[in-house]
Amino acid sequence: MEERFISSMIQCYFIALGVVMGGSIIGSIGAFATGEPPLTLMGRIAKGLRIWAVVAAIGGTFDAISNFEKGIFEGSTIDIFKQILLIITAMGGVQTALLILEWLIQEDIK
């Protein structure tokens, strides 16, 4: 693997982690301001942000689709493999964020 791709994987991981952590924490501040239970709402927000964190981490859906298209129609299987690795890495970042938030709010987010 080339060094630039590995740095992209690391960035995908932390972008996904940051989207879930940041979105749920800032969202819980809004819940506190409106009188709702912030920790309970933090878990709901984190659950709702999972797929959006993966999409944000891989750079939007059109790049992923174009990489899959290039892999299928041009015979470049390494592009498909790289895109799958980026998606799995982003999912790992999301799962790490959910685990940290579960530790923080002491509730099951699943």
N, C-alpha and C. Protein backbone atom coordinates (compact mmCIF):
# COMPACT_ATOMS: atom_id res chain seq x y z
N MET A 1 0.85 -1.17 0.00
CA MET A 1 0.00 0.00 0.00
C MET A 1 0.89 1.24 0.00
N GLU A 2 0.44 2.23 -0.66
CA GLU A 2 1.24 3.44 -0.71
C GLU A 2 0.96 4.29 0.54
N GLU A 3 1.90 5.14 0.83
CA GLU A 3 1.85 5.93 2.06
C GLU A 3 0.66 6.89 2.06
N ARG A 4 0.31 7.44 0.91
CA ARG A 4 -0.80 8.38 0.83
C ARG A 4 -2.13 7.70 1.16
N PHE A 5 -2.28 6.45 0.74
CA PHE A 5 -3.52 5.72 1.03
C PHE A 5 -3.63 5.42 2.52
N ILE A 6 -2.53 5.08 3.15
CA ILE A 6 -2.56 4.80 4.60
C ILE A 6 -2.93 6.06 5.37
N SER A 7 -2.41 7.21 4.94
CA SER A 7 -2.80 8.46 5.61
C SER A 7 -4.27 8.76 5.37
N SER A 8 -4.82 8.40 4.21
CA SER A 8 -6.25 8.57 3.95
C SER A 8 -7.08 7.67 4.86
N MET A 9 -6.59 6.46 5.11
CA MET A 9 -7.30 5.56 6.02
C MET A 9 -7.34 6.13 7.44
N ILE A 10 -6.21 6.66 7.89
CA ILE A 10 -6.16 7.25 9.23
C ILE A 10 -7.09 8.45 9.32
N GLN A 11 -7.11 9.28 8.27
CA GLN A 11 -7.99 10.44 8.27
C GLN A 11 -9.45 10.02 8.27
N CYS A 12 -9.81 8.99 7.50
CA CYS A 12 -11.18 8.49 7.48
C CYS A 12 -11.62 8.03 8.86
N TYR A 13 -10.73 7.32 9.54
CA TYR A 13 -11.04 6.84 10.89
C TYR A 13 -11.37 8.00 11.82
N PHE A 14 -10.51 9.00 11.84
CA PHE A 14 -10.71 10.09 12.79
C PHE A 14 -11.81 11.06 12.37
N ILE A 15 -12.07 11.19 11.07
CA ILE A 15 -13.19 12.01 10.64
C ILE A 15 -14.50 11.39 11.10
N ALA A 16 -14.66 10.09 10.90
CA ALA A 16 -15.87 9.40 11.34
C ALA A 16 -16.03 9.48 12.85
N LEU A 17 -14.93 9.28 13.57
CA LEU A 17 -14.97 9.38 15.03
C LEU A 17 -15.38 10.79 15.45
N GLY A 18 -14.83 11.79 14.80
CA GLY A 18 -15.14 13.18 15.15
C GLY A 18 -16.55 13.59 14.83
N VAL A 19 -17.09 13.09 13.73
CA VAL A 19 -18.47 13.43 13.36
C VAL A 19 -19.44 12.90 14.41
N VAL A 20 -19.26 11.67 14.82
CA VAL A 20 -20.18 11.08 15.81
C VAL A 20 -19.99 11.73 17.17
N MET A 21 -18.74 11.86 17.62
CA MET A 21 -18.48 12.45 18.94
C MET A 21 -18.93 13.91 18.99
N GLY A 22 -18.48 14.69 18.03
CA GLY A 22 -18.80 16.11 18.02
C GLY A 22 -20.28 16.38 17.83
N GLY A 23 -20.89 15.66 16.90
CA GLY A 23 -22.31 15.88 16.65
C GLY A 23 -23.18 15.52 17.84
N SER A 24 -22.86 14.43 18.50
CA SER A 24 -23.69 14.04 19.64
C SER A 24 -23.46 14.92 20.85
N ILE A 25 -22.24 15.35 21.07
CA ILE A 25 -21.97 16.23 22.22
C ILE A 25 -22.60 17.61 22.01
N ILE A 26 -22.42 18.18 20.82
CA ILE A 26 -23.02 19.49 20.54
C ILE A 26 -24.54 19.39 20.51
N GLY A 27 -25.07 18.29 19.98
CA GLY A 27 -26.51 18.08 19.98
C GLY A 27 -27.07 17.95 21.38
N SER A 28 -26.30 17.36 22.29
CA SER A 28 -26.79 17.23 23.66
C SER A 28 -26.80 18.58 24.38
N ILE A 29 -25.96 19.49 23.96
CA ILE A 29 -26.03 20.86 24.52
C ILE A 29 -27.35 21.50 24.13
N GLY A 30 -27.77 21.28 22.88
CA GLY A 30 -29.08 21.78 22.45
C GLY A 30 -30.21 21.14 23.22
N ALA A 31 -30.07 19.86 23.53
CA ALA A 31 -31.10 19.18 24.33
C ALA A 31 -31.17 19.76 25.73
N PHE A 32 -30.01 20.06 26.30
CA PHE A 32 -29.98 20.66 27.63
C PHE A 32 -30.65 22.03 27.62
N ALA A 33 -30.42 22.79 26.55
CA ALA A 33 -31.01 24.13 26.44
C ALA A 33 -32.53 24.08 26.31
N THR A 34 -33.05 23.01 25.75
CA THR A 34 -34.50 22.90 25.58
C THR A 34 -35.17 22.12 26.69
N GLY A 35 -34.43 21.65 27.66
CA GLY A 35 -35.00 20.97 28.82
C GLY A 35 -35.16 19.48 28.66
N GLU A 36 -34.59 18.90 27.64
CA GLU A 36 -34.66 17.45 27.45
C GLU A 36 -33.45 16.80 28.13
N PRO A 37 -33.51 15.48 28.40
CA PRO A 37 -32.37 14.81 29.03
C PRO A 37 -31.19 14.72 28.05
N PRO A 38 -30.08 15.40 28.34
CA PRO A 38 -28.99 15.47 27.36
C PRO A 38 -28.27 14.15 27.12
N LEU A 39 -28.08 13.34 28.15
CA LEU A 39 -27.35 12.08 27.96
C LEU A 39 -28.15 11.07 27.16
N THR A 40 -29.45 11.02 27.40
CA THR A 40 -30.29 10.11 26.62
C THR A 40 -30.34 10.53 25.17
N LEU A 41 -30.48 11.83 24.93
CA LEU A 41 -30.52 12.33 23.57
C LEU A 41 -29.16 12.19 22.89
N MET A 42 -28.08 12.22 23.65
CA MET A 42 -26.75 12.03 23.08
C MET A 42 -26.64 10.65 22.43
N GLY A 43 -27.19 9.65 23.08
CA GLY A 43 -27.17 8.30 22.51
C GLY A 43 -28.01 8.21 21.25
N ARG A 44 -29.17 8.86 21.24
CA ARG A 44 -30.03 8.83 20.05
C ARG A 44 -29.37 9.56 18.88
N ILE A 45 -28.74 10.68 19.16
CA ILE A 45 -28.06 11.44 18.11
C ILE A 45 -26.91 10.62 17.54
N ALA A 46 -26.14 9.99 18.41
CA ALA A 46 -25.00 9.19 17.95
C ALA A 46 -25.47 8.04 17.07
N LYS A 47 -26.58 7.43 17.42
CA LYS A 47 -27.12 6.33 16.62
C LYS A 47 -27.56 6.84 15.25
N GLY A 48 -28.13 8.03 15.20
CA GLY A 48 -28.58 8.59 13.94
C GLY A 48 -27.45 9.10 13.05
N LEU A 49 -26.32 9.43 13.65
CA LEU A 49 -25.20 9.97 12.88
C LEU A 49 -24.28 8.91 12.30
N ARG A 50 -24.52 7.65 12.59
CA ARG A 50 -23.58 6.60 12.16
C ARG A 50 -23.35 6.60 10.67
N ILE A 51 -24.39 6.52 9.87
CA ILE A 51 -24.21 6.42 8.43
C ILE A 51 -23.66 7.72 7.85
N TRP A 52 -24.06 8.85 8.43
CA TRP A 52 -23.57 10.14 7.92
C TRP A 52 -22.10 10.32 8.22
N ALA A 53 -21.63 9.75 9.30
CA ALA A 53 -20.21 9.83 9.62
C ALA A 53 -19.38 9.04 8.61
N VAL A 54 -19.88 7.89 8.20
CA VAL A 54 -19.17 7.10 7.19
C VAL A 54 -19.15 7.83 5.86
N VAL A 55 -20.28 8.41 5.47
CA VAL A 55 -20.35 9.15 4.21
C VAL A 55 -19.42 10.36 4.25
N ALA A 56 -19.41 11.08 5.36
CA ALA A 56 -18.52 12.24 5.47
C ALA A 56 -17.06 11.82 5.45
N ALA A 57 -16.75 10.70 6.05
CA ALA A 57 -15.36 10.26 6.13
C ALA A 57 -14.81 9.82 4.77
N ILE A 58 -15.64 9.18 3.95
CA ILE A 58 -15.12 8.73 2.65
C ILE A 58 -15.23 9.81 1.60
N GLY A 59 -15.70 10.99 1.95
CA GLY A 59 -15.69 12.11 1.03
C GLY A 59 -16.94 12.24 0.19
N GLY A 60 -18.04 11.72 0.62
CA GLY A 60 -19.27 11.81 -0.14
C GLY A 60 -19.51 10.55 -0.94
N THR A 61 -20.72 10.38 -1.39
CA THR A 61 -21.09 9.15 -2.06
C THR A 61 -20.64 9.11 -3.51
N PHE A 62 -20.50 10.24 -4.18
CA PHE A 62 -20.16 10.22 -5.60
C PHE A 62 -18.73 9.76 -5.85
N ASP A 63 -17.80 10.10 -4.97
CA ASP A 63 -16.43 9.60 -5.11
C ASP A 63 -16.38 8.08 -4.95
N ALA A 64 -17.13 7.58 -3.99
CA ALA A 64 -17.14 6.13 -3.78
C ALA A 64 -17.75 5.42 -4.97
N ILE A 65 -18.83 5.97 -5.50
CA ILE A 65 -19.47 5.34 -6.66
C ILE A 65 -18.55 5.38 -7.87
N SER A 66 -17.87 6.49 -8.08
CA SER A 66 -16.96 6.58 -9.24
C SER A 66 -15.78 5.62 -9.09
N ASN A 67 -15.30 5.42 -7.86
CA ASN A 67 -14.21 4.45 -7.66
C ASN A 67 -14.69 3.02 -7.89
N PHE A 68 -15.91 2.71 -7.45
CA PHE A 68 -16.45 1.39 -7.73
C PHE A 68 -16.65 1.19 -9.24
N GLU A 69 -17.13 2.24 -9.91
CA GLU A 69 -17.34 2.16 -11.35
C GLU A 69 -16.03 1.93 -12.08
N LYS A 70 -15.00 2.65 -11.66
CA LYS A 70 -13.69 2.47 -12.29
C LYS A 70 -13.17 1.06 -12.05
N GLY A 71 -13.41 0.54 -10.88
CA GLY A 71 -12.95 -0.81 -10.56
C GLY A 71 -13.68 -1.88 -11.36
N ILE A 72 -14.96 -1.68 -11.58
CA ILE A 72 -15.75 -2.69 -12.28
C ILE A 72 -15.55 -2.60 -13.80
N PHE A 73 -15.71 -1.40 -14.36
CA PHE A 73 -15.71 -1.27 -15.81
C PHE A 73 -14.32 -1.17 -16.43
N GLU A 74 -13.35 -0.69 -15.67
CA GLU A 74 -12.00 -0.57 -16.21
C GLU A 74 -11.09 -1.69 -15.72
N GLY A 75 -11.62 -2.57 -14.91
CA GLY A 75 -10.85 -3.72 -14.45
C GLY A 75 -9.81 -3.41 -13.39
N SER A 76 -9.96 -2.30 -12.71
CA SER A 76 -9.01 -1.91 -11.67
C SER A 76 -9.54 -2.38 -10.32
N THR A 77 -9.25 -3.62 -9.99
CA THR A 77 -9.77 -4.18 -8.74
C THR A 77 -9.13 -3.56 -7.51
N ILE A 78 -7.95 -2.98 -7.64
CA ILE A 78 -7.30 -2.36 -6.49
C ILE A 78 -8.10 -1.15 -6.01
N ASP A 79 -8.79 -0.44 -6.93
CA ASP A 79 -9.62 0.69 -6.53
C ASP A 79 -10.81 0.25 -5.70
N ILE A 80 -11.42 -0.87 -6.07
CA ILE A 80 -12.53 -1.41 -5.28
C ILE A 80 -12.03 -1.81 -3.90
N PHE A 81 -10.89 -2.48 -3.86
CA PHE A 81 -10.32 -2.92 -2.59
C PHE A 81 -9.99 -1.73 -1.68
N LYS A 82 -9.42 -0.68 -2.26
CA LYS A 82 -9.09 0.51 -1.46
C LYS A 82 -10.35 1.18 -0.92
N GLN A 83 -11.39 1.27 -1.75
CA GLN A 83 -12.62 1.91 -1.30
C GLN A 83 -13.28 1.11 -0.19
N ILE A 84 -13.25 -0.21 -0.30
CA ILE A 84 -13.82 -1.06 0.76
C ILE A 84 -13.03 -0.88 2.05
N LEU A 85 -11.70 -0.79 1.94
CA LEU A 85 -10.88 -0.56 3.13
C LEU A 85 -11.18 0.79 3.78
N LEU A 86 -11.42 1.83 2.97
CA LEU A 86 -11.77 3.13 3.52
C LEU A 86 -13.11 3.08 4.25
N ILE A 87 -14.07 2.39 3.70
CA ILE A 87 -15.38 2.27 4.34
C ILE A 87 -15.27 1.50 5.65
N ILE A 88 -14.51 0.42 5.64
CA ILE A 88 -14.33 -0.37 6.87
C ILE A 88 -13.61 0.45 7.94
N THR A 89 -12.62 1.24 7.52
CA THR A 89 -11.89 2.09 8.47
C THR A 89 -12.83 3.14 9.07
N ALA A 90 -13.68 3.74 8.23
CA ALA A 90 -14.64 4.73 8.73
C ALA A 90 -15.63 4.08 9.70
N MET A 91 -16.05 2.86 9.40
CA MET A 91 -16.95 2.15 10.32
C MET A 91 -16.26 1.86 11.65
N GLY A 92 -14.97 1.60 11.60
CA GLY A 92 -14.22 1.42 12.84
C GLY A 92 -14.18 2.68 13.67
N GLY A 93 -14.04 3.83 13.02
CA GLY A 93 -14.09 5.11 13.74
C GLY A 93 -15.44 5.35 14.37
N VAL A 94 -16.51 5.00 13.66
CA VAL A 94 -17.86 5.15 14.21
C VAL A 94 -18.05 4.24 15.42
N GLN A 95 -17.60 2.99 15.32
CA GLN A 95 -17.76 2.07 16.44
C GLN A 95 -16.95 2.51 17.66
N THR A 96 -15.76 3.06 17.42
CA THR A 96 -14.96 3.59 18.53
C THR A 96 -15.67 4.75 19.21
N ALA A 97 -16.25 5.64 18.42
CA ALA A 97 -16.98 6.77 19.00
C ALA A 97 -18.19 6.30 19.79
N LEU A 98 -18.91 5.31 19.28
CA LEU A 98 -20.07 4.77 20.01
C LEU A 98 -19.63 4.13 21.32
N LEU A 99 -18.50 3.44 21.31
CA LEU A 99 -17.99 2.83 22.53
C LEU A 99 -17.62 3.89 23.57
N ILE A 100 -16.95 4.94 23.13
CA ILE A 100 -16.58 6.02 24.04
C ILE A 100 -17.82 6.70 24.61
N LEU A 101 -18.82 6.92 23.76
CA LEU A 101 -20.05 7.55 24.24
C LEU A 101 -20.82 6.64 25.19
N GLU A 102 -20.79 5.33 24.93
CA GLU A 102 -21.43 4.40 25.88
C GLU A 102 -20.76 4.46 27.24
N TRP A 103 -19.44 4.57 27.25
CA TRP A 103 -18.72 4.71 28.51
C TRP A 103 -19.10 6.02 29.20
N LEU A 104 -19.30 7.07 28.40
CA LEU A 104 -19.58 8.39 28.95
C LEU A 104 -21.00 8.46 29.53
N ILE A 105 -21.99 7.96 28.79
CA ILE A 105 -23.38 8.12 29.24
C ILE A 105 -23.91 6.91 30.01
N GLN A 106 -23.14 5.82 30.05
CA GLN A 106 -23.53 4.61 30.78
C GLN A 106 -24.86 4.04 30.32
N GLU A 107 -25.11 4.13 29.00
CA GLU A 107 -26.30 3.53 28.40
C GLU A 107 -25.86 2.72 27.19
N ASP A 108 -26.72 1.80 26.77
CA ASP A 108 -26.44 1.00 25.59
C ASP A 108 -26.99 1.75 24.38
N ILE A 109 -26.13 2.07 23.41
CA ILE A 109 -26.54 2.87 22.26
C ILE A 109 -27.14 2.01 21.15
N LYS A 110 -26.78 0.77 21.05
CA LYS A 110 -27.16 -0.10 19.93
C LYS A 110 -28.60 0.09 19.63
